[in-house]
Amino acid sequence: MDFFLVYITLLIVFTFVILGLMLFAEHRKLEELESYFNKNKMVLEHKRKWGRNQRLARFHRMGLMIDILSMPKCYVKEGLVTEAELACVPLSLKRWALWPYRLCHIWALALLVGAVWRSWYDIEI
């Protein structure tokens, strides 16, 4: 079997795995994550703006949580969150929030590798 076909098949499977993890995090972990920031002005404003329980609204609310958790020093330095709020969030919940989106970076890199591989070896689809 051609290695490129196996590679593309794994990329497609990986796409659905990541999508499932992202949907699970948005549906099951978002409210729990926001509860640790229930007195934070920025989170409350973002939740009010994107409060509808639709896919796009959850995506934007989760995006703010990911930004806060992935760059905590910047948000603390700007005074948007406190060290106490960040310290209250359990490590397992931080992982559920961050890892699906970190896997997206790996997936994008793998997609780029596949595109370069295809162009260098003139693989027809």
Protein backbone atom coordinates (compact mmCIF):
# COMPACT_ATOMS: atom_id res chain seq x y z
CA MET A 1 0.00 0.00 0.00
CA ASP A 2 1.22 3.47 -0.77
CA PHE A 3 2.57 5.33 2.28
CA PHE A 4 0.96 8.58 1.15
CA LEU A 5 -2.48 6.95 1.13
CA VAL A 6 -1.91 5.65 4.67
CA TYR A 7 -0.71 9.09 5.75
CA ILE A 8 -3.77 10.83 4.31
CA THR A 9 -6.08 8.23 5.86
CA LEU A 10 -4.50 8.84 9.27
CA LEU A 11 -4.89 12.59 8.77
CA ILE A 12 -8.58 12.15 8.04
CA VAL A 13 -9.09 9.95 11.10
CA PHE A 14 -7.08 12.42 13.20
CA THR A 15 -9.37 15.21 11.96
CA PHE A 16 -12.44 13.50 13.36
CA VAL A 17 -10.69 12.63 16.63
CA ILE A 18 -9.72 16.27 17.15
CA LEU A 19 -13.18 17.49 16.21
CA GLY A 20 -14.70 15.07 18.73
CA LEU A 21 -12.33 16.25 21.47
CA MET A 22 -13.09 19.89 20.71
CA LEU A 23 -16.84 19.30 20.77
CA PHE A 24 -16.56 17.35 24.01
CA ALA A 25 -14.54 20.14 25.63
CA GLU A 26 -16.99 22.80 24.44
CA HIS A 27 -20.09 20.89 25.52
CA ARG A 28 -18.92 19.29 28.77
CA LYS A 29 -16.07 21.37 30.13
CA LEU A 30 -16.84 24.98 29.16
CA GLU A 31 -19.36 25.78 31.90
CA GLU A 32 -17.15 24.17 34.53
CA LEU A 33 -14.19 26.18 33.28
CA GLU A 34 -16.16 29.43 33.28
CA SER A 35 -17.36 28.76 36.82
CA TYR A 36 -13.80 29.32 38.08
CA PHE A 37 -13.91 32.81 36.56
CA ASN A 38 -17.47 33.68 37.65
CA LYS A 39 -16.45 37.05 39.12
CA ASN A 40 -14.11 38.04 36.29
CA LYS A 41 -15.39 41.06 34.38
CA MET A 42 -13.89 40.06 31.03
CA VAL A 43 -15.28 36.49 31.18
CA LEU A 44 -18.72 37.73 32.23
CA GLU A 45 -18.78 40.27 29.41
CA HIS A 46 -17.70 37.64 26.89
CA LYS A 47 -20.29 35.22 28.23
CA ARG A 48 -23.00 37.90 27.98
CA LYS A 49 -22.00 38.72 24.41
CA TRP A 50 -21.79 35.06 23.31
CA GLY A 51 -24.29 33.67 25.82
CA ARG A 52 -26.48 31.79 23.37
CA ASN A 53 -25.88 28.08 23.58
CA GLN A 54 -25.01 27.66 19.92
CA ARG A 55 -21.90 26.16 18.39
CA LEU A 56 -20.35 29.47 17.35
CA ALA A 57 -21.06 31.05 20.74
CA ARG A 58 -19.46 28.14 22.62
CA PHE A 59 -16.50 28.29 20.23
CA HIS A 60 -15.86 31.96 21.02
CA ARG A 61 -16.35 31.48 24.76
CA MET A 62 -13.96 28.53 24.71
CA GLY A 63 -11.50 30.62 22.70
CA LEU A 64 -11.30 33.16 25.51
CA MET A 65 -10.72 30.40 28.05
CA ILE A 66 -7.96 28.92 25.89
CA ASP A 67 -6.33 32.34 25.53
CA ILE A 68 -6.39 32.88 29.28
CA LEU A 69 -5.03 29.42 30.07
CA SER A 70 -2.40 29.35 27.34
CA MET A 71 -0.96 32.80 28.09
CA PRO A 72 -1.71 33.38 31.78
CA LYS A 73 1.21 35.72 32.45
CA CYS A 74 0.03 38.20 29.81
CA TYR A 75 -3.49 38.30 31.24
CA VAL A 76 -2.24 38.64 34.82
CA LYS A 77 0.19 41.38 33.78
CA GLU A 78 -2.63 43.31 32.07
CA GLY A 79 -4.81 42.83 35.16
CA LEU A 80 -7.55 40.95 33.34
CA VAL A 81 -7.32 37.85 35.56
CA THR A 82 -5.79 37.19 38.95
CA GLU A 83 -3.33 34.56 40.07
CA ALA A 84 -5.96 33.24 42.48
CA GLU A 85 -8.45 32.63 39.67
CA LEU A 86 -5.85 30.77 37.65
CA ALA A 87 -4.67 28.75 40.64
CA CYS A 88 -8.22 27.50 41.31
CA VAL A 89 -8.54 25.81 37.90
CA PRO A 90 -7.60 22.11 38.22
CA LEU A 91 -4.79 20.83 36.03
CA SER A 92 -7.00 18.16 34.43
CA LEU A 93 -9.52 20.82 33.37
CA LYS A 94 -6.73 22.94 31.89
CA ARG A 95 -5.60 19.92 29.90
CA TRP A 96 -9.12 19.27 28.60
CA ALA A 97 -9.30 22.87 27.46
CA LEU A 98 -5.85 23.19 25.89
CA TRP A 99 -4.91 19.84 24.38
CA PRO A 100 -7.57 19.59 21.64
CA TYR A 101 -6.43 22.96 20.35
CA ARG A 102 -2.76 22.08 20.65
CA LEU A 103 -3.49 18.94 18.64
CA CYS A 104 -4.93 21.22 15.97
CA HIS A 105 -1.49 22.78 15.60
CA ILE A 106 0.06 19.34 15.18
CA TRP A 107 -2.66 18.45 12.67
CA ALA A 108 -2.00 21.64 10.67
CA LEU A 109 1.71 20.85 10.60
CA ALA A 110 0.96 17.29 9.45
CA LEU A 111 -1.30 18.69 6.73
CA LEU A 112 1.52 20.95 5.58
CA VAL A 113 3.90 17.98 5.52
CA GLY A 114 1.38 16.07 3.40
CA ALA A 115 1.05 18.97 0.96
CA VAL A 116 4.82 19.26 0.59
CA TRP A 117 5.15 15.50 0.22
CA ARG A 118 2.49 15.51 -2.49
CA SER A 119 4.11 18.36 -4.42
CA TRP A 120 7.66 16.99 -4.23
CA TYR A 121 6.70 13.53 -5.46
CA ASP A 122 4.00 14.65 -7.92
CA ILE A 123 1.34 12.46 -6.36
CA GLU A 124 -1.97 12.57 -8.21
CA ILE A 125 -5.20 12.54 -6.30
